[in-house]
């Protein structure tokens, strides 16, 4: 019997990797955090994204998410909340001014006065992922196809833990790559232009989310 659940986990792992590695709001936010604020903040954001996966798994496993998928009103509400949140982040980035200290660029981390607190970085990642309707549809689809109604709570817990940790690890890897001094300094040399570009990307993602269909 365990072989069945192991095979389910392998299918979940493969599908999850393809989904998490694809471009989207989570990736855009982590890259922005890595370049703008450095490794520490980006890692907290990555942990927030990974923690949000537990929310998706929970409502998918207990069938609550099916109500969201079958209710146009609830799904639209989720879409518009996500779009508004991404647009809010994007518009703030568009207002960025050329105020980066060259010494901070060379040091690899911006000054403590410019760093976001850990809780804010965590919350940014958590909310971005929880409100992402594409994540909702992914978990509803994969759980309805792969996970059996007879799957024990223990194995559901294992699935949830794996998916959460795998997501954290992937975005922590992205954080470490983009916060490397040689990569980060190239982006920071453009200063506010990079922020504005990321703001534009986030706004485009907000529009895409707002007009997405079930």
N, C-alpha and C. Protein backbone atom coordinates (compact mmCIF):
# COMPACT_ATOMS: atom_id res chain seq x y z
N UNK A 1 0.83 -1.21 0.00
CA UNK A 1 0.00 0.00 0.00
C UNK A 1 0.87 1.26 0.00
N UNK A 2 1.99 1.23 0.75
CA UNK A 2 2.86 2.40 0.80
C UNK A 2 3.40 2.74 -0.58
N UNK A 3 3.58 1.73 -1.44
CA UNK A 3 4.11 1.98 -2.77
C UNK A 3 3.17 2.89 -3.57
N UNK A 4 1.86 2.77 -3.34
CA UNK A 4 0.88 3.62 -4.01
C UNK A 4 1.08 5.08 -3.61
N UNK A 5 1.27 5.31 -2.33
CA UNK A 5 1.43 6.67 -1.85
C UNK A 5 2.79 7.25 -2.23
N UNK A 6 3.80 6.38 -2.30
CA UNK A 6 5.11 6.84 -2.77
C UNK A 6 5.02 7.27 -4.23
N UNK A 7 4.29 6.50 -5.03
CA UNK A 7 4.11 6.86 -6.44
C UNK A 7 3.34 8.17 -6.56
N UNK A 8 2.34 8.38 -5.69
CA UNK A 8 1.61 9.64 -5.69
C UNK A 8 2.55 10.80 -5.37
N UNK A 9 3.43 10.60 -4.41
CA UNK A 9 4.38 11.63 -4.02
C UNK A 9 5.31 11.97 -5.18
N UNK A 10 5.75 10.95 -5.90
CA UNK A 10 6.65 11.18 -7.03
C UNK A 10 5.97 11.99 -8.13
N UNK A 11 4.71 11.67 -8.39
CA UNK A 11 3.95 12.42 -9.40
C UNK A 11 3.75 13.87 -8.93
N UNK A 12 3.40 14.03 -7.66
CA UNK A 12 3.24 15.38 -7.10
C UNK A 12 4.55 16.17 -7.21
N UNK A 13 5.66 15.50 -6.91
CA UNK A 13 6.96 16.17 -6.94
C UNK A 13 7.30 16.64 -8.35
N UNK A 14 7.05 15.78 -9.35
CA UNK A 14 7.36 16.15 -10.73
C UNK A 14 6.49 17.31 -11.20
N UNK A 15 5.19 17.23 -10.94
CA UNK A 15 4.27 18.29 -11.35
C UNK A 15 4.59 19.59 -10.63
N UNK A 16 4.91 19.47 -9.36
CA UNK A 16 5.21 20.66 -8.56
C UNK A 16 6.47 21.36 -9.06
N UNK A 17 7.48 20.59 -9.43
CA UNK A 17 8.73 21.20 -9.91
C UNK A 17 8.48 22.02 -11.17
N UNK A 18 7.70 21.46 -12.10
CA UNK A 18 7.39 22.18 -13.33
C UNK A 18 6.63 23.46 -13.04
N UNK A 19 5.72 23.40 -12.06
CA UNK A 19 4.91 24.57 -11.74
C UNK A 19 5.73 25.63 -11.02
N UNK A 20 6.53 25.22 -10.04
CA UNK A 20 7.24 26.20 -9.22
C UNK A 20 8.38 26.87 -10.00
N UNK A 21 8.92 26.17 -11.00
CA UNK A 21 10.03 26.73 -11.78
C UNK A 21 9.56 27.66 -12.88
N UNK A 22 8.25 27.68 -13.16
CA UNK A 22 7.74 28.53 -14.23
C UNK A 22 7.62 29.97 -13.73
N UNK A 23 7.82 30.95 -14.63
CA UNK A 23 7.73 32.37 -14.23
C UNK A 23 6.33 32.73 -13.71
N UNK A 24 6.30 33.58 -12.70
CA UNK A 24 5.03 33.99 -12.12
C UNK A 24 5.26 35.01 -11.03
N UNK A 25 4.21 35.36 -10.29
CA UNK A 25 4.34 36.36 -9.23
C UNK A 25 5.38 36.00 -8.17
N UNK A 26 5.43 34.72 -7.77
CA UNK A 26 6.39 34.32 -6.73
C UNK A 26 7.82 34.59 -7.17
N UNK A 27 8.14 34.18 -8.40
CA UNK A 27 9.50 34.37 -8.91
C UNK A 27 9.84 35.86 -9.02
N UNK A 28 8.89 36.64 -9.53
CA UNK A 28 9.14 38.08 -9.69
C UNK A 28 9.41 38.75 -8.34
N UNK A 29 8.65 38.37 -7.33
CA UNK A 29 8.81 38.96 -6.00
C UNK A 29 10.15 38.57 -5.39
N UNK A 30 10.54 37.31 -5.53
CA UNK A 30 11.81 36.85 -4.96
C UNK A 30 13.00 37.52 -5.64
N UNK A 31 12.95 37.63 -6.96
CA UNK A 31 14.03 38.30 -7.68
C UNK A 31 14.13 39.77 -7.25
N UNK A 32 12.98 40.42 -7.14
CA UNK A 32 12.97 41.82 -6.69
C UNK A 32 13.58 41.95 -5.30
N UNK A 33 13.20 41.06 -4.38
CA UNK A 33 13.74 41.12 -3.03
C UNK A 33 15.25 40.86 -3.03
N UNK A 34 15.69 39.91 -3.85
CA UNK A 34 17.12 39.57 -3.90
C UNK A 34 17.96 40.74 -4.35
N UNK A 35 17.50 41.41 -5.42
CA UNK A 35 18.27 42.52 -5.97
C UNK A 35 18.16 43.77 -5.09
N UNK A 36 16.95 44.09 -4.69
CA UNK A 36 16.71 45.35 -3.97
C UNK A 36 17.22 45.31 -2.54
N UNK A 37 16.96 44.21 -1.83
CA UNK A 37 17.26 44.17 -0.40
C UNK A 37 18.33 43.15 -0.01
N UNK A 38 18.69 42.25 -0.91
CA UNK A 38 19.75 41.30 -0.60
C UNK A 38 19.26 39.94 -0.13
N UNK A 39 20.22 39.10 0.18
CA UNK A 39 19.96 37.69 0.47
C UNK A 39 19.03 37.48 1.66
N UNK A 40 19.28 38.18 2.75
CA UNK A 40 18.50 37.95 3.98
C UNK A 40 17.01 38.11 3.75
N UNK A 41 16.62 39.22 3.13
CA UNK A 41 15.20 39.50 2.92
C UNK A 41 14.59 38.54 1.91
N UNK A 42 15.35 38.21 0.87
CA UNK A 42 14.85 37.28 -0.14
C UNK A 42 14.61 35.90 0.46
N UNK A 43 15.47 35.47 1.36
CA UNK A 43 15.28 34.17 2.00
C UNK A 43 14.02 34.15 2.87
N UNK A 44 13.78 35.23 3.60
CA UNK A 44 12.55 35.30 4.39
C UNK A 44 11.32 35.28 3.49
N UNK A 45 11.40 35.96 2.35
CA UNK A 45 10.29 35.94 1.40
C UNK A 45 10.08 34.52 0.87
N UNK A 46 11.16 33.81 0.60
CA UNK A 46 11.08 32.43 0.10
C UNK A 46 10.42 31.51 1.13
N UNK A 47 10.76 31.70 2.39
CA UNK A 47 10.14 30.91 3.45
C UNK A 47 8.65 31.22 3.53
N UNK A 48 8.28 32.48 3.33
CA UNK A 48 6.88 32.85 3.33
C UNK A 48 6.11 32.16 2.20
N UNK A 49 6.71 32.11 1.03
CA UNK A 49 6.08 31.43 -0.11
C UNK A 49 5.90 29.95 0.18
N UNK A 50 6.95 29.33 0.71
CA UNK A 50 6.87 27.91 1.03
C UNK A 50 5.84 27.61 2.10
N UNK A 51 5.71 28.49 3.07
CA UNK A 51 4.73 28.29 4.14
C UNK A 51 3.31 28.40 3.59
N UNK A 52 3.10 29.26 2.61
CA UNK A 52 1.77 29.43 2.02
C UNK A 52 1.30 28.16 1.32
N UNK A 53 2.25 27.34 0.88
CA UNK A 53 1.89 26.08 0.22
C UNK A 53 1.04 25.21 1.15
N UNK A 54 1.30 25.27 2.45
CA UNK A 54 0.53 24.48 3.42
C UNK A 54 -0.94 24.87 3.40
N UNK A 55 -1.21 26.15 3.14
CA UNK A 55 -2.60 26.61 3.06
C UNK A 55 -3.29 25.98 1.85
N UNK A 56 -2.61 25.99 0.71
CA UNK A 56 -3.18 25.40 -0.51
C UNK A 56 -3.44 23.91 -0.34
N UNK A 57 -2.47 23.22 0.25
CA UNK A 57 -2.61 21.78 0.46
C UNK A 57 -3.78 21.50 1.40
N UNK A 58 -3.91 22.31 2.44
CA UNK A 58 -4.96 22.08 3.43
C UNK A 58 -6.35 22.19 2.81
N UNK A 59 -6.62 23.27 2.10
CA UNK A 59 -7.98 23.40 1.57
C UNK A 59 -8.23 22.46 0.38
N UNK A 60 -7.16 22.08 -0.31
CA UNK A 60 -7.32 21.09 -1.39
C UNK A 60 -7.64 19.72 -0.83
N UNK A 61 -6.93 19.35 0.23
CA UNK A 61 -7.12 18.03 0.84
C UNK A 61 -8.50 17.89 1.47
N UNK A 62 -9.01 18.96 2.01
CA UNK A 62 -10.30 18.89 2.70
C UNK A 62 -11.48 19.32 1.82
N UNK A 63 -11.20 19.57 0.55
CA UNK A 63 -12.28 19.85 -0.39
C UNK A 63 -12.80 21.27 -0.36
N UNK A 64 -12.23 22.12 0.50
CA UNK A 64 -12.71 23.50 0.59
C UNK A 64 -12.42 24.26 -0.70
N UNK A 65 -11.27 23.95 -1.30
CA UNK A 65 -10.89 24.64 -2.52
C UNK A 65 -11.84 24.40 -3.67
N UNK A 66 -12.53 23.25 -3.63
CA UNK A 66 -13.49 22.95 -4.70
C UNK A 66 -14.60 23.99 -4.73
N UNK A 67 -14.97 24.50 -3.56
CA UNK A 67 -15.99 25.55 -3.49
C UNK A 67 -15.52 26.81 -4.20
N UNK A 68 -14.24 27.12 -4.04
CA UNK A 68 -13.68 28.30 -4.70
C UNK A 68 -13.71 28.12 -6.21
N UNK A 69 -13.31 26.93 -6.66
CA UNK A 69 -13.26 26.67 -8.10
C UNK A 69 -14.65 26.69 -8.73
N UNK A 70 -15.64 26.20 -8.00
CA UNK A 70 -16.99 26.09 -8.55
C UNK A 70 -17.82 27.36 -8.36
N UNK A 71 -17.30 28.30 -7.59
CA UNK A 71 -18.02 29.55 -7.36
C UNK A 71 -17.33 30.69 -8.10
N UNK A 72 -17.92 31.17 -9.20
CA UNK A 72 -17.31 32.28 -9.94
C UNK A 72 -17.06 33.51 -9.06
N UNK A 73 -17.96 33.75 -8.12
CA UNK A 73 -17.82 34.91 -7.25
C UNK A 73 -16.58 34.80 -6.37
N UNK A 74 -16.40 33.64 -5.73
CA UNK A 74 -15.25 33.44 -4.85
C UNK A 74 -13.95 33.45 -5.63
N UNK A 75 -13.97 32.80 -6.80
CA UNK A 75 -12.74 32.76 -7.59
C UNK A 75 -12.38 34.15 -8.10
N UNK A 76 -13.38 34.90 -8.54
CA UNK A 76 -13.11 36.26 -9.00
C UNK A 76 -12.59 37.13 -7.86
N UNK A 77 -13.14 36.94 -6.66
CA UNK A 77 -12.67 37.70 -5.50
C UNK A 77 -11.19 37.41 -5.25
N UNK A 78 -10.82 36.13 -5.32
CA UNK A 78 -9.43 35.74 -5.13
C UNK A 78 -8.55 36.37 -6.20
N UNK A 79 -9.01 36.32 -7.45
CA UNK A 79 -8.24 36.89 -8.55
C UNK A 79 -7.99 38.38 -8.34
N UNK A 80 -9.04 39.10 -7.99
CA UNK A 80 -8.92 40.55 -7.89
C UNK A 80 -8.10 40.97 -6.67
N UNK A 81 -8.18 40.18 -5.60
CA UNK A 81 -7.33 40.46 -4.45
C UNK A 81 -5.86 40.28 -4.81
N UNK A 82 -5.56 39.21 -5.53
CA UNK A 82 -4.19 38.95 -5.95
C UNK A 82 -3.72 40.05 -6.90
N UNK A 83 -4.56 40.39 -7.89
CA UNK A 83 -4.20 41.42 -8.86
C UNK A 83 -3.96 42.76 -8.17
N UNK A 84 -4.82 43.10 -7.21
CA UNK A 84 -4.67 44.37 -6.50
C UNK A 84 -3.38 44.39 -5.68
N UNK A 85 -3.05 43.27 -5.06
CA UNK A 85 -1.84 43.19 -4.25
C UNK A 85 -0.59 43.33 -5.12
N UNK A 86 -0.56 42.61 -6.26
CA UNK A 86 0.58 42.70 -7.17
C UNK A 86 0.70 44.11 -7.74
N UNK A 87 -0.45 44.70 -8.10
CA UNK A 87 -0.42 46.06 -8.64
C UNK A 87 0.09 47.05 -7.61
N UNK A 88 -0.29 46.86 -6.35
CA UNK A 88 0.17 47.73 -5.26
C UNK A 88 1.70 47.67 -5.14
N UNK A 89 2.25 46.45 -5.17
CA UNK A 89 3.71 46.29 -5.10
C UNK A 89 4.36 46.93 -6.32
N UNK A 90 3.74 46.69 -7.48
CA UNK A 90 4.29 47.21 -8.72
C UNK A 90 4.31 48.73 -8.78
N UNK A 91 3.21 49.36 -8.39
CA UNK A 91 3.15 50.83 -8.42
C UNK A 91 4.14 51.44 -7.43
N UNK A 92 4.34 50.80 -6.30
CA UNK A 92 5.35 51.29 -5.35
C UNK A 92 6.74 51.23 -5.96
N UNK A 93 7.01 50.14 -6.71
CA UNK A 93 8.31 50.00 -7.36
C UNK A 93 8.49 51.04 -8.46
N UNK A 94 7.41 51.39 -9.16
CA UNK A 94 7.49 52.39 -10.22
C UNK A 94 7.89 53.77 -9.68
N UNK A 95 7.62 54.00 -8.41
CA UNK A 95 7.93 55.29 -7.81
C UNK A 95 9.36 55.36 -7.29
N UNK A 96 10.16 54.31 -7.54
CA UNK A 96 11.52 54.26 -7.03
C UNK A 96 12.36 55.42 -7.55
N UNK A 97 13.18 55.98 -6.68
CA UNK A 97 14.05 57.10 -7.02
C UNK A 97 15.51 56.66 -6.99
N UNK A 98 16.38 57.36 -7.72
CA UNK A 98 17.81 56.99 -7.76
C UNK A 98 18.53 57.38 -6.47
N UNK A 99 18.34 56.57 -5.42
CA UNK A 99 18.92 56.91 -4.13
C UNK A 99 19.79 55.80 -3.55
N UNK A 100 20.27 54.88 -4.39
CA UNK A 100 21.11 53.79 -3.91
C UNK A 100 22.53 54.29 -3.68
N UNK A 101 23.05 54.02 -2.52
CA UNK A 101 24.41 54.42 -2.16
C UNK A 101 25.41 53.48 -2.83
N UNK A 102 26.38 53.99 -3.62
CA UNK A 102 27.35 53.11 -4.26
C UNK A 102 28.10 52.22 -3.28
N UNK A 103 28.36 52.74 -2.07
CA UNK A 103 29.05 51.92 -1.08
C UNK A 103 28.22 50.72 -0.69
N UNK A 104 26.89 50.90 -0.63
CA UNK A 104 25.99 49.80 -0.28
C UNK A 104 26.00 48.75 -1.36
N UNK A 105 26.12 49.20 -2.65
CA UNK A 105 26.17 48.26 -3.76
C UNK A 105 27.40 47.38 -3.64
N UNK A 106 28.55 48.01 -3.39
CA UNK A 106 29.79 47.25 -3.29
C UNK A 106 29.77 46.31 -2.11
N UNK A 107 29.06 46.67 -1.05
CA UNK A 107 29.04 45.84 0.14
C UNK A 107 28.17 44.62 0.01
N UNK A 108 27.34 44.57 -1.00
CA UNK A 108 26.51 43.39 -1.23
C UNK A 108 25.20 43.42 -0.49
N UNK A 109 25.00 44.32 0.47
CA UNK A 109 23.73 44.45 1.19
C UNK A 109 23.43 45.93 1.35
N UNK A 110 22.17 46.32 1.20
CA UNK A 110 21.82 47.72 1.45
C UNK A 110 21.90 47.97 2.94
N UNK A 111 21.91 49.24 3.32
CA UNK A 111 22.04 49.58 4.73
C UNK A 111 20.85 49.08 5.52
N UNK A 112 21.05 48.93 6.81
CA UNK A 112 19.99 48.42 7.67
C UNK A 112 18.77 49.32 7.62
N UNK A 113 18.97 50.63 7.42
CA UNK A 113 17.85 51.54 7.35
C UNK A 113 16.96 51.27 6.16
N UNK A 114 17.50 50.64 5.11
CA UNK A 114 16.73 50.36 3.90
C UNK A 114 16.19 48.94 3.89
N UNK A 115 16.68 48.12 4.78
CA UNK A 115 16.24 46.72 4.78
C UNK A 115 14.82 46.60 5.33
N UNK A 116 14.05 45.74 4.69
CA UNK A 116 12.74 45.42 5.24
C UNK A 116 12.94 44.49 6.43
N UNK A 117 12.06 44.57 7.38
CA UNK A 117 12.14 43.67 8.51
C UNK A 117 11.76 42.27 8.07
N UNK A 118 12.22 41.27 8.82
CA UNK A 118 11.99 39.88 8.45
C UNK A 118 10.50 39.56 8.31
N UNK A 119 9.70 40.05 9.24
CA UNK A 119 8.27 39.74 9.21
C UNK A 119 7.60 40.29 7.96
N UNK A 120 8.01 41.46 7.52
CA UNK A 120 7.43 42.06 6.32
C UNK A 120 7.82 41.26 5.08
N UNK A 121 9.06 40.80 5.03
CA UNK A 121 9.51 40.00 3.90
C UNK A 121 8.79 38.66 3.86
N UNK A 122 8.63 38.04 5.02
CA UNK A 122 7.90 36.78 5.10
C UNK A 122 6.46 36.98 4.64
N UNK A 123 5.84 38.04 5.13
CA UNK A 123 4.44 38.31 4.80
C UNK A 123 4.26 38.57 3.30
N UNK A 124 5.22 39.24 2.70
CA UNK A 124 5.17 39.51 1.27
C UNK A 124 5.10 38.20 0.48
N UNK A 125 5.98 37.26 0.81
CA UNK A 125 5.98 35.97 0.12
C UNK A 125 4.72 35.17 0.40
N UNK A 126 4.30 35.16 1.66
CA UNK A 126 3.14 34.37 2.06
C UNK A 126 1.87 34.85 1.36
N UNK A 127 1.63 36.16 1.41
CA UNK A 127 0.40 36.71 0.82
C UNK A 127 0.41 36.57 -0.71
N UNK A 128 1.58 36.80 -1.32
CA UNK A 128 1.68 36.67 -2.78
C UNK A 128 1.28 35.28 -3.23
N UNK A 129 1.75 34.26 -2.52
CA UNK A 129 1.44 32.89 -2.92
C UNK A 129 0.01 32.48 -2.56
N UNK A 130 -0.44 32.85 -1.37
CA UNK A 130 -1.80 32.47 -0.94
C UNK A 130 -2.86 33.04 -1.87
N UNK A 131 -2.65 34.27 -2.34
CA UNK A 131 -3.64 34.92 -3.19
C UNK A 131 -3.51 34.56 -4.67
N UNK A 132 -2.49 33.80 -5.01
CA UNK A 132 -2.26 33.46 -6.42
C UNK A 132 -3.29 32.43 -6.89
N UNK A 133 -4.23 32.81 -7.76
CA UNK A 133 -5.26 31.86 -8.21
C UNK A 133 -4.69 30.71 -9.03
N UNK A 134 -3.55 30.94 -9.67
CA UNK A 134 -2.92 29.86 -10.44
C UNK A 134 -2.44 28.75 -9.50
N UNK A 135 -1.95 29.14 -8.32
CA UNK A 135 -1.55 28.14 -7.34
C UNK A 135 -2.77 27.38 -6.85
N UNK A 136 -3.88 28.10 -6.66
CA UNK A 136 -5.13 27.45 -6.24
C UNK A 136 -5.56 26.39 -7.26
N UNK A 137 -5.57 26.77 -8.53
CA UNK A 137 -5.99 25.84 -9.58
C UNK A 137 -5.03 24.66 -9.70
N UNK A 138 -3.74 24.93 -9.53
CA UNK A 138 -2.76 23.85 -9.63
C UNK A 138 -3.00 22.80 -8.55
N UNK A 139 -3.15 23.24 -7.30
CA UNK A 139 -3.32 22.28 -6.22
C UNK A 139 -4.66 21.57 -6.29
N UNK A 140 -5.71 22.27 -6.70
CA UNK A 140 -6.99 21.60 -6.86
C UNK A 140 -6.92 20.53 -7.94
N UNK A 141 -6.28 20.86 -9.05
CA UNK A 141 -6.19 19.93 -10.17
C UNK A 141 -5.34 18.71 -9.82
N UNK A 142 -4.17 18.97 -9.26
CA UNK A 142 -3.25 17.87 -8.98
C UNK A 142 -3.78 16.96 -7.88
N UNK A 143 -4.47 17.55 -6.90
CA UNK A 143 -5.01 16.72 -5.82
C UNK A 143 -6.22 15.92 -6.29
N UNK A 144 -7.01 16.49 -7.19
CA UNK A 144 -8.18 15.76 -7.67
C UNK A 144 -7.80 14.61 -8.60
N UNK A 145 -6.65 14.74 -9.27
CA UNK A 145 -6.23 13.71 -10.22
C UNK A 145 -5.32 12.67 -9.57
N UNK A 146 -4.40 13.14 -8.73
CA UNK A 146 -3.35 12.26 -8.20
C UNK A 146 -3.69 11.67 -6.84
N UNK A 147 -4.17 12.51 -5.93
CA UNK A 147 -4.37 12.06 -4.55
C UNK A 147 -5.72 11.35 -4.41
N UNK A 148 -5.67 10.16 -3.83
CA UNK A 148 -6.87 9.37 -3.63
C UNK A 148 -7.62 9.82 -2.39
N UNK A 149 -8.93 9.61 -2.40
CA UNK A 149 -9.74 9.94 -1.22
C UNK A 149 -9.40 9.03 -0.05
N UNK A 150 -8.74 7.90 -0.34
CA UNK A 150 -8.34 6.97 0.71
C UNK A 150 -6.93 7.26 1.26
N UNK A 151 -6.32 8.32 0.76
CA UNK A 151 -4.97 8.63 1.23
C UNK A 151 -5.01 8.99 2.71
N UNK A 152 -4.23 8.28 3.54
CA UNK A 152 -4.24 8.54 4.99
C UNK A 152 -3.74 9.94 5.32
N UNK A 153 -4.16 10.42 6.49
CA UNK A 153 -3.75 11.75 6.94
C UNK A 153 -2.23 11.85 7.05
N UNK A 154 -1.58 10.74 7.45
CA UNK A 154 -0.12 10.75 7.57
C UNK A 154 0.54 11.08 6.25
N UNK A 155 0.05 10.44 5.17
CA UNK A 155 0.65 10.69 3.86
C UNK A 155 0.29 12.07 3.33
N UNK A 156 -0.90 12.56 3.64
CA UNK A 156 -1.25 13.93 3.27
C UNK A 156 -0.29 14.91 3.95
N UNK A 157 0.03 14.62 5.19
CA UNK A 157 0.99 15.46 5.91
C UNK A 157 2.37 15.41 5.27
N UNK A 158 2.77 14.21 4.81
CA UNK A 158 4.06 14.07 4.14
C UNK A 158 4.06 14.86 2.83
N UNK A 159 2.96 14.76 2.07
CA UNK A 159 2.86 15.53 0.83
C UNK A 159 2.98 17.01 1.10
N UNK A 160 2.24 17.47 2.11
CA UNK A 160 2.25 18.90 2.44
C UNK A 160 3.63 19.38 2.84
N UNK A 161 4.30 18.58 3.68
CA UNK A 161 5.63 18.95 4.15
C UNK A 161 6.62 18.99 2.99
N UNK A 162 6.54 17.98 2.13
CA UNK A 162 7.46 17.95 0.98
C UNK A 162 7.25 19.16 0.08
N UNK A 163 5.99 19.41 -0.30
CA UNK A 163 5.69 20.51 -1.23
C UNK A 163 6.10 21.86 -0.65
N UNK A 164 5.89 22.03 0.65
CA UNK A 164 6.28 23.27 1.30
C UNK A 164 7.80 23.45 1.31
N UNK A 165 8.50 22.40 1.75
CA UNK A 165 9.97 22.48 1.83
C UNK A 165 10.60 22.60 0.44
N UNK A 166 10.05 21.87 -0.54
CA UNK A 166 10.59 21.94 -1.89
C UNK A 166 10.43 23.34 -2.47
N UNK A 167 9.29 23.97 -2.18
CA UNK A 167 9.07 25.34 -2.64
C UNK A 167 10.06 26.30 -1.98
N UNK A 168 10.23 26.15 -0.67
CA UNK A 168 11.20 26.99 0.04
C UNK A 168 12.59 26.83 -0.54
N UNK A 169 13.00 25.58 -0.77
CA UNK A 169 14.35 25.32 -1.25
C UNK A 169 14.56 25.93 -2.63
N UNK A 170 13.55 25.81 -3.50
CA UNK A 170 13.69 26.35 -4.85
C UNK A 170 13.87 27.87 -4.81
N UNK A 171 13.02 28.55 -4.05
CA UNK A 171 13.11 30.00 -4.03
C UNK A 171 14.29 30.50 -3.20
N UNK A 172 14.73 29.70 -2.23
CA UNK A 172 15.97 30.04 -1.53
C UNK A 172 17.16 29.95 -2.49
N UNK A 173 17.13 28.95 -3.37
CA UNK A 173 18.16 28.82 -4.40
C UNK A 173 18.15 30.04 -5.32
N UNK A 174 16.96 30.44 -5.76
CA UNK A 174 16.82 31.64 -6.60
C UNK A 174 17.36 32.86 -5.86
N UNK A 175 17.04 32.94 -4.56
CA UNK A 175 17.51 34.07 -3.75
C UNK A 175 19.03 34.13 -3.70
N UNK A 176 19.64 32.98 -3.49
CA UNK A 176 21.10 32.93 -3.39
C UNK A 176 21.77 33.29 -4.71
N UNK A 177 21.16 32.87 -5.81
CA UNK A 177 21.73 33.17 -7.13
C UNK A 177 21.68 34.67 -7.41
N UNK A 178 20.50 35.28 -7.23
CA UNK A 178 20.33 36.68 -7.60
C UNK A 178 20.90 37.65 -6.57
N UNK A 179 21.22 37.16 -5.38
CA UNK A 179 21.82 38.05 -4.39
C UNK A 179 23.35 37.95 -4.39
N UNK A 180 23.92 37.14 -5.28
CA UNK A 180 25.38 37.10 -5.40
C UNK A 180 25.88 38.48 -5.82
N UNK A 181 26.99 38.89 -5.23
CA UNK A 181 27.48 40.24 -5.44
C UNK A 181 27.63 40.60 -6.92
N UNK A 182 28.23 39.70 -7.70
CA UNK A 182 28.49 40.05 -9.10
C UNK A 182 27.21 40.21 -9.90
N UNK A 183 26.19 39.39 -9.58
CA UNK A 183 24.91 39.50 -10.27
C UNK A 183 24.12 40.69 -9.76
N UNK A 184 24.06 40.79 -8.44
CA UNK A 184 23.25 41.85 -7.81
C UNK A 184 23.80 43.23 -8.14
N UNK A 185 25.12 43.38 -8.14
CA UNK A 185 25.71 44.69 -8.41
C UNK A 185 25.42 45.18 -9.82
N UNK A 186 25.34 44.22 -10.77
CA UNK A 186 25.01 44.62 -12.14
C UNK A 186 23.61 45.20 -12.21
N UNK A 187 22.66 44.57 -11.50
CA UNK A 187 21.30 45.08 -11.49
C UNK A 187 21.23 46.41 -10.73
N UNK A 188 21.92 46.47 -9.59
CA UNK A 188 21.87 47.68 -8.77
C UNK A 188 22.55 48.86 -9.45
N UNK A 189 23.44 48.58 -10.41
CA UNK A 189 24.09 49.68 -11.12
C UNK A 189 23.07 50.47 -11.93
N UNK A 190 21.93 49.82 -12.24
CA UNK A 190 20.85 50.53 -12.92
C UNK A 190 19.89 51.17 -11.91
N UNK A 191 20.07 50.83 -10.63
CA UNK A 191 19.32 51.45 -9.55
C UNK A 191 17.83 51.45 -9.74
N UNK A 192 17.25 52.65 -9.78
CA UNK A 192 15.81 52.81 -9.84
C UNK A 192 15.22 52.29 -11.14
N UNK A 193 16.04 52.19 -12.19
CA UNK A 193 15.53 51.66 -13.45
C UNK A 193 15.13 50.20 -13.30
N UNK A 194 15.92 49.46 -12.52
CA UNK A 194 15.58 48.06 -12.26
C UNK A 194 14.27 47.98 -11.48
N UNK A 195 14.15 48.82 -10.44
CA UNK A 195 12.92 48.82 -9.64
C UNK A 195 11.71 49.11 -10.50
N UNK A 196 11.84 50.09 -11.38
CA UNK A 196 10.72 50.45 -12.23
C UNK A 196 10.38 49.34 -13.22
N UNK A 197 11.41 48.68 -13.72
CA UNK A 197 11.17 47.55 -14.63
C UNK A 197 10.43 46.43 -13.92
N UNK A 198 10.86 46.12 -12.69
CA UNK A 198 10.18 45.07 -11.92
C UNK A 198 8.76 45.50 -11.58
N UNK A 199 8.57 46.80 -11.32
CA UNK A 199 7.23 47.30 -11.07
C UNK A 199 6.33 47.08 -12.27
N UNK A 200 6.86 47.33 -13.46
CA UNK A 200 6.09 47.10 -14.68
C UNK A 200 5.74 45.64 -14.86
N UNK A 201 6.69 44.75 -14.56
CA UNK A 201 6.45 43.31 -14.66
C UNK A 201 5.34 42.89 -13.70
N UNK A 202 5.40 43.39 -12.48
CA UNK A 202 4.39 43.03 -11.48
C UNK A 202 3.00 43.54 -11.87
N UNK A 203 2.96 44.72 -12.46
CA UNK A 203 1.66 45.25 -12.90
C UNK A 203 1.12 44.41 -14.06
N UNK A 204 1.99 44.00 -14.98
CA UNK A 204 1.55 43.13 -16.08
C UNK A 204 1.04 41.79 -15.55
N UNK A 205 1.72 41.26 -14.52
CA UNK A 205 1.25 40.03 -13.90
C UNK A 205 -0.11 40.24 -13.23
N UNK A 206 -0.28 41.41 -12.63
CA UNK A 206 -1.58 41.72 -12.00
C UNK A 206 -2.69 41.73 -13.04
N UNK A 207 -2.42 42.32 -14.19
CA UNK A 207 -3.42 42.35 -15.26
C UNK A 207 -3.71 40.95 -15.76
N UNK A 208 -2.66 40.15 -15.92
CA UNK A 208 -2.84 38.77 -16.37
C UNK A 208 -3.69 37.98 -15.40
N UNK A 209 -3.42 38.13 -14.11
CA UNK A 209 -4.19 37.44 -13.08
C UNK A 209 -5.65 37.89 -13.09
N UNK A 210 -5.86 39.20 -13.21
CA UNK A 210 -7.21 39.75 -13.17
C UNK A 210 -8.09 39.22 -14.29
N UNK A 211 -7.48 38.93 -15.45
CA UNK A 211 -8.26 38.47 -16.59
C UNK A 211 -8.15 36.96 -16.82
N UNK A 212 -7.55 36.24 -15.86
CA UNK A 212 -7.44 34.80 -16.00
C UNK A 212 -8.81 34.15 -15.80
N UNK A 213 -8.96 32.97 -16.39
CA UNK A 213 -10.22 32.25 -16.32
C UNK A 213 -10.02 30.94 -15.58
N UNK A 214 -11.11 30.39 -15.00
CA UNK A 214 -11.04 29.11 -14.29
C UNK A 214 -10.72 28.02 -15.29
